[in-house]
Amino acid sequence: MLLRSRPSWVACVVVAALGIVFAGSGCEKKATSGGAVASTCDAYCSCMASSCTSYPFAPDCVAACKAGVEGTTVKKWDLSCRAGACGRAQASKAAAENECPVASGQKTCS
């Protein structure tokens, strides 16, 4: 995976979710601050709050994300897929209509 000189948070989320952080990639601080799961869930929830406002997580997105990533929920989350969908949702209203259901887990990641 090639990353730009200033990687987007989506790129860092994907890299951290896979457990791979390349030195000098610009993702080191984002991926390790508070643990990979915590930082990626923070970024994912921030994206959901700004891009997919019709798909809120109540009462706590970060807690729901951590439980999903760690497999303590009924269905384990594919955070890299959800984060990617949320990132794509930022492009336009039409993109949000297609991508937010995937980002929220209401539709299956493919």
N, C-alpha and C. Protein backbone atom coordinates (compact mmCIF):
# COMPACT_ATOMS: atom_id res chain seq x y z
N MET A 1 0.85 -1.17 0.00
CA MET A 1 0.00 0.00 0.00
C MET A 1 0.89 1.23 0.00
N LEU A 2 0.68 2.10 -0.94
CA LEU A 2 1.43 3.33 -0.99
C LEU A 2 0.62 4.42 -0.31
N LEU A 3 1.27 5.16 0.53
CA LEU A 3 0.60 6.25 1.23
C LEU A 3 1.20 7.57 0.79
N ARG A 4 0.35 8.58 0.69
CA ARG A 4 0.83 9.92 0.36
C ARG A 4 1.68 10.43 1.51
N SER A 5 2.34 11.57 1.30
CA SER A 5 3.18 12.11 2.36
C SER A 5 2.39 12.44 3.61
N ARG A 6 1.12 12.86 3.47
CA ARG A 6 0.23 13.07 4.61
C ARG A 6 -0.96 12.15 4.42
N PRO A 7 -0.92 10.94 4.96
CA PRO A 7 -2.00 10.00 4.72
C PRO A 7 -3.31 10.45 5.34
N SER A 8 -4.38 10.07 4.69
CA SER A 8 -5.69 10.37 5.25
C SER A 8 -5.92 9.51 6.47
N TRP A 9 -6.89 9.90 7.30
CA TRP A 9 -7.20 9.08 8.48
C TRP A 9 -7.69 7.72 8.03
N VAL A 10 -8.37 7.62 6.86
CA VAL A 10 -8.87 6.32 6.38
C VAL A 10 -7.70 5.39 6.12
N ALA A 11 -6.66 5.90 5.47
CA ALA A 11 -5.49 5.06 5.21
C ALA A 11 -4.88 4.59 6.53
N CYS A 12 -4.79 5.47 7.50
CA CYS A 12 -4.22 5.09 8.79
C CYS A 12 -5.11 4.09 9.52
N VAL A 13 -6.42 4.24 9.42
CA VAL A 13 -7.34 3.29 10.04
C VAL A 13 -7.16 1.91 9.43
N VAL A 14 -7.09 1.85 8.12
CA VAL A 14 -6.93 0.56 7.44
C VAL A 14 -5.61 -0.08 7.84
N VAL A 15 -4.54 0.71 7.81
CA VAL A 15 -3.22 0.19 8.15
C VAL A 15 -3.20 -0.30 9.60
N ALA A 16 -3.76 0.48 10.52
CA ALA A 16 -3.76 0.10 11.93
C ALA A 16 -4.67 -1.10 12.18
N ALA A 17 -5.81 -1.15 11.50
CA ALA A 17 -6.73 -2.27 11.69
C ALA A 17 -6.09 -3.58 11.25
N LEU A 18 -5.20 -3.50 10.27
CA LEU A 18 -4.49 -4.69 9.82
C LEU A 18 -3.29 -5.00 10.69
N GLY A 19 -2.99 -4.09 11.62
CA GLY A 19 -1.85 -4.31 12.51
C GLY A 19 -0.52 -3.99 11.87
N ILE A 20 -0.55 -3.21 10.79
CA ILE A 20 0.67 -2.88 10.06
C ILE A 20 0.83 -1.38 10.09
N VAL A 21 1.93 -0.91 10.64
CA VAL A 21 2.22 0.51 10.62
C VAL A 21 3.67 0.66 10.18
N PHE A 22 3.86 1.23 9.01
CA PHE A 22 5.20 1.39 8.46
C PHE A 22 5.85 2.63 9.03
N ALA A 23 7.09 2.49 9.46
CA ALA A 23 7.84 3.64 9.97
C ALA A 23 7.91 4.69 8.88
N GLY A 24 7.68 5.93 9.25
CA GLY A 24 7.74 7.03 8.30
C GLY A 24 6.49 7.20 7.47
N SER A 25 5.44 6.42 7.73
CA SER A 25 4.22 6.50 6.93
C SER A 25 3.34 7.67 7.34
N GLY A 26 3.59 8.24 8.51
CA GLY A 26 2.74 9.30 9.01
C GLY A 26 1.59 8.77 9.85
N CYS A 27 1.45 7.47 9.93
CA CYS A 27 0.34 6.86 10.67
C CYS A 27 0.76 6.39 12.06
N GLU A 28 2.06 6.44 12.35
CA GLU A 28 2.52 5.86 13.61
C GLU A 28 1.79 6.42 14.81
N LYS A 29 1.70 7.74 14.91
CA LYS A 29 1.06 8.36 16.06
C LYS A 29 -0.43 8.06 16.08
N LYS A 30 -1.07 8.11 14.91
CA LYS A 30 -2.50 7.84 14.83
C LYS A 30 -2.80 6.39 15.19
N ALA A 31 -1.94 5.48 14.82
CA ALA A 31 -2.21 4.06 15.03
C ALA A 31 -1.85 3.58 16.42
N THR A 32 -0.99 4.29 17.13
CA THR A 32 -0.54 3.78 18.42
C THR A 32 -1.02 4.61 19.60
N SER A 33 -1.58 5.75 19.37
CA SER A 33 -2.06 6.60 20.46
C SER A 33 -3.25 5.95 21.15
N GLY A 34 -3.03 5.40 22.33
CA GLY A 34 -4.11 4.75 23.05
C GLY A 34 -4.41 3.35 22.54
N GLY A 35 -3.52 2.79 21.75
CA GLY A 35 -3.74 1.46 21.18
C GLY A 35 -4.40 1.55 19.82
N ALA A 36 -4.09 0.58 18.98
CA ALA A 36 -4.60 0.60 17.59
C ALA A 36 -6.12 0.62 17.55
N VAL A 37 -6.75 -0.20 18.37
CA VAL A 37 -8.22 -0.25 18.33
C VAL A 37 -8.81 1.07 18.76
N ALA A 38 -8.30 1.66 19.84
CA ALA A 38 -8.84 2.92 20.33
C ALA A 38 -8.71 4.03 19.31
N SER A 39 -7.54 4.15 18.70
CA SER A 39 -7.35 5.25 17.75
C SER A 39 -8.14 5.04 16.47
N THR A 40 -8.23 3.81 16.00
CA THR A 40 -8.99 3.59 14.79
C THR A 40 -10.48 3.77 15.06
N CYS A 41 -10.96 3.36 16.21
CA CYS A 41 -12.37 3.57 16.55
C CYS A 41 -12.67 5.05 16.71
N ASP A 42 -11.75 5.81 17.28
CA ASP A 42 -11.95 7.25 17.40
C ASP A 42 -12.09 7.88 16.02
N ALA A 43 -11.22 7.51 15.09
CA ALA A 43 -11.27 8.07 13.74
C ALA A 43 -12.55 7.64 13.02
N TYR A 44 -12.91 6.37 13.16
CA TYR A 44 -14.13 5.86 12.53
C TYR A 44 -15.35 6.60 13.06
N CYS A 45 -15.45 6.76 14.36
CA CYS A 45 -16.60 7.42 14.97
C CYS A 45 -16.65 8.89 14.60
N SER A 46 -15.51 9.52 14.48
CA SER A 46 -15.46 10.92 14.03
C SER A 46 -15.99 11.03 12.62
N CYS A 47 -15.60 10.11 11.76
CA CYS A 47 -16.10 10.09 10.38
C CYS A 47 -17.60 9.87 10.36
N MET A 48 -18.08 8.91 11.12
CA MET A 48 -19.51 8.62 11.15
C MET A 48 -20.30 9.84 11.63
N ALA A 49 -19.78 10.55 12.61
CA ALA A 49 -20.47 11.72 13.15
C ALA A 49 -20.55 12.84 12.13
N SER A 50 -19.56 12.94 11.25
CA SER A 50 -19.58 14.03 10.28
C SER A 50 -20.16 13.63 8.93
N SER A 51 -20.01 12.37 8.53
CA SER A 51 -20.41 11.97 7.18
C SER A 51 -21.70 11.16 7.13
N CYS A 52 -22.02 10.46 8.18
CA CYS A 52 -23.18 9.56 8.19
C CYS A 52 -24.08 9.89 9.37
N THR A 53 -24.54 11.12 9.42
CA THR A 53 -25.30 11.59 10.58
C THR A 53 -26.65 10.90 10.74
N SER A 54 -27.15 10.25 9.71
CA SER A 54 -28.41 9.51 9.82
C SER A 54 -28.21 8.12 10.43
N TYR A 55 -26.96 7.76 10.72
CA TYR A 55 -26.63 6.44 11.24
C TYR A 55 -25.88 6.56 12.56
N PRO A 56 -26.49 7.17 13.57
CA PRO A 56 -25.77 7.37 14.84
C PRO A 56 -25.64 6.07 15.64
N PHE A 57 -24.60 6.03 16.43
CA PHE A 57 -24.42 4.93 17.38
C PHE A 57 -24.75 5.46 18.75
N ALA A 58 -25.66 4.82 19.43
CA ALA A 58 -26.03 5.27 20.77
C ALA A 58 -25.75 4.13 21.75
N PRO A 59 -25.32 4.39 22.92
CA PRO A 59 -24.99 5.71 23.43
C PRO A 59 -23.54 6.10 23.15
N ASP A 60 -22.69 5.14 22.76
CA ASP A 60 -21.25 5.44 22.65
C ASP A 60 -20.66 4.71 21.46
N CYS A 61 -20.38 5.44 20.40
CA CYS A 61 -19.83 4.84 19.18
C CYS A 61 -18.50 4.14 19.45
N VAL A 62 -17.60 4.79 20.19
CA VAL A 62 -16.27 4.22 20.42
C VAL A 62 -16.38 2.89 21.16
N ALA A 63 -17.23 2.83 22.19
CA ALA A 63 -17.40 1.58 22.93
C ALA A 63 -17.98 0.49 22.03
N ALA A 64 -18.97 0.85 21.20
CA ALA A 64 -19.56 -0.13 20.28
C ALA A 64 -18.52 -0.61 19.27
N CYS A 65 -17.71 0.31 18.78
CA CYS A 65 -16.66 -0.04 17.83
C CYS A 65 -15.64 -0.98 18.46
N LYS A 66 -15.14 -0.63 19.63
CA LYS A 66 -14.15 -1.49 20.30
C LYS A 66 -14.71 -2.89 20.53
N ALA A 67 -15.96 -2.98 20.97
CA ALA A 67 -16.58 -4.29 21.20
C ALA A 67 -16.71 -5.06 19.89
N GLY A 68 -17.05 -4.35 18.81
CA GLY A 68 -17.17 -5.01 17.51
C GLY A 68 -15.85 -5.48 16.97
N VAL A 69 -14.82 -4.66 17.10
CA VAL A 69 -13.50 -5.02 16.60
C VAL A 69 -12.90 -6.16 17.42
N GLU A 70 -13.11 -6.13 18.71
CA GLU A 70 -12.54 -7.15 19.59
C GLU A 70 -13.36 -8.44 19.60
N GLY A 71 -14.51 -8.42 18.91
CA GLY A 71 -15.31 -9.62 18.78
C GLY A 71 -16.19 -9.94 19.98
N THR A 72 -16.47 -8.94 20.82
CA THR A 72 -17.32 -9.20 21.98
C THR A 72 -18.79 -8.93 21.67
N THR A 73 -19.10 -8.58 20.43
CA THR A 73 -20.49 -8.40 20.02
C THR A 73 -20.93 -9.65 19.26
N VAL A 74 -22.19 -9.69 18.91
CA VAL A 74 -22.73 -10.85 18.20
C VAL A 74 -21.98 -11.07 16.89
N LYS A 75 -21.72 -10.01 16.16
CA LYS A 75 -21.04 -10.11 14.88
C LYS A 75 -19.79 -9.23 14.91
N LYS A 76 -18.63 -9.83 14.65
CA LYS A 76 -17.39 -9.07 14.66
C LYS A 76 -17.37 -8.09 13.49
N TRP A 77 -16.88 -6.88 13.76
CA TRP A 77 -16.80 -5.82 12.76
C TRP A 77 -15.61 -6.00 11.85
N ASP A 78 -15.76 -5.58 10.61
CA ASP A 78 -14.65 -5.44 9.67
C ASP A 78 -14.37 -3.94 9.64
N LEU A 79 -13.56 -3.47 10.57
CA LEU A 79 -13.35 -2.04 10.72
C LEU A 79 -12.72 -1.42 9.49
N SER A 80 -11.80 -2.11 8.84
CA SER A 80 -11.18 -1.51 7.66
C SER A 80 -12.22 -1.29 6.57
N CYS A 81 -13.17 -2.19 6.41
CA CYS A 81 -14.22 -2.03 5.42
C CYS A 81 -15.16 -0.89 5.82
N ARG A 82 -15.57 -0.87 7.07
CA ARG A 82 -16.48 0.17 7.54
C ARG A 82 -15.83 1.55 7.43
N ALA A 83 -14.57 1.65 7.82
CA ALA A 83 -13.87 2.94 7.75
C ALA A 83 -13.71 3.38 6.30
N GLY A 84 -13.41 2.45 5.41
CA GLY A 84 -13.30 2.79 4.00
C GLY A 84 -14.61 3.30 3.44
N ALA A 85 -15.71 2.65 3.80
CA ALA A 85 -17.03 3.09 3.35
C ALA A 85 -17.35 4.48 3.88
N CYS A 86 -17.01 4.74 5.13
CA CYS A 86 -17.27 6.05 5.70
C CYS A 86 -16.44 7.11 4.98
N GLY A 87 -15.20 6.80 4.69
CA GLY A 87 -14.36 7.73 3.95
C GLY A 87 -14.93 8.04 2.57
N ARG A 88 -15.42 7.03 1.89
CA ARG A 88 -16.02 7.24 0.56
C ARG A 88 -17.31 8.04 0.67
N ALA A 89 -18.00 7.93 1.79
CA ALA A 89 -19.26 8.66 2.00
C ALA A 89 -19.04 10.17 2.01
N GLN A 90 -17.84 10.61 2.27
CA GLN A 90 -17.53 12.03 2.35
C GLN A 90 -17.55 12.71 0.99
N ALA A 91 -17.52 11.94 -0.09
CA ALA A 91 -17.39 12.51 -1.43
C ALA A 91 -18.62 13.32 -1.86
N SER A 92 -19.81 12.84 -1.56
CA SER A 92 -21.03 13.53 -2.01
C SER A 92 -22.23 12.96 -1.27
N LYS A 93 -23.36 13.62 -1.44
CA LYS A 93 -24.60 13.12 -0.82
C LYS A 93 -24.97 11.75 -1.40
N ALA A 94 -24.81 11.58 -2.70
CA ALA A 94 -25.12 10.29 -3.33
C ALA A 94 -24.19 9.20 -2.81
N ALA A 95 -22.91 9.54 -2.63
CA ALA A 95 -21.97 8.57 -2.07
C ALA A 95 -22.36 8.20 -0.65
N ALA A 96 -22.78 9.19 0.13
CA ALA A 96 -23.20 8.92 1.51
C ALA A 96 -24.40 7.98 1.54
N GLU A 97 -25.34 8.19 0.63
CA GLU A 97 -26.53 7.33 0.58
C GLU A 97 -26.15 5.87 0.30
N ASN A 98 -25.12 5.66 -0.50
CA ASN A 98 -24.67 4.31 -0.82
C ASN A 98 -23.74 3.72 0.23
N GLU A 99 -22.86 4.54 0.77
CA GLU A 99 -21.79 4.05 1.64
C GLU A 99 -22.12 4.02 3.12
N CYS A 100 -22.98 4.92 3.61
CA CYS A 100 -23.27 4.96 5.06
C CYS A 100 -23.93 3.67 5.58
N PRO A 101 -24.83 3.03 4.82
CA PRO A 101 -25.36 1.76 5.32
C PRO A 101 -24.26 0.70 5.51
N VAL A 102 -23.26 0.71 4.65
CA VAL A 102 -22.13 -0.21 4.79
C VAL A 102 -21.27 0.20 5.98
N ALA A 103 -20.97 1.49 6.07
CA ALA A 103 -20.15 2.00 7.17
C ALA A 103 -20.77 1.72 8.53
N SER A 104 -22.10 1.77 8.58
CA SER A 104 -22.79 1.54 9.86
C SER A 104 -22.98 0.07 10.20
N GLY A 105 -22.76 -0.79 9.23
CA GLY A 105 -22.96 -2.23 9.46
C GLY A 105 -24.35 -2.71 9.10
N GLN A 106 -25.20 -1.81 8.59
CA GLN A 106 -26.55 -2.22 8.20
C GLN A 106 -26.52 -3.03 6.90
N LYS A 107 -25.50 -2.81 6.08
CA LYS A 107 -25.28 -3.63 4.89
C LYS A 107 -23.92 -4.29 5.04
N THR A 108 -23.77 -5.44 4.44
CA THR A 108 -22.54 -6.22 4.55
C THR A 108 -21.42 -5.61 3.73
N CYS A 109 -20.24 -5.57 4.31
CA CYS A 109 -19.06 -5.15 3.57
C CYS A 109 -18.74 -6.21 2.53
N SER A 110 -18.31 -5.73 1.37
CA SER A 110 -17.96 -6.70 0.32
C SER A 110 -16.52 -6.59 -0.07
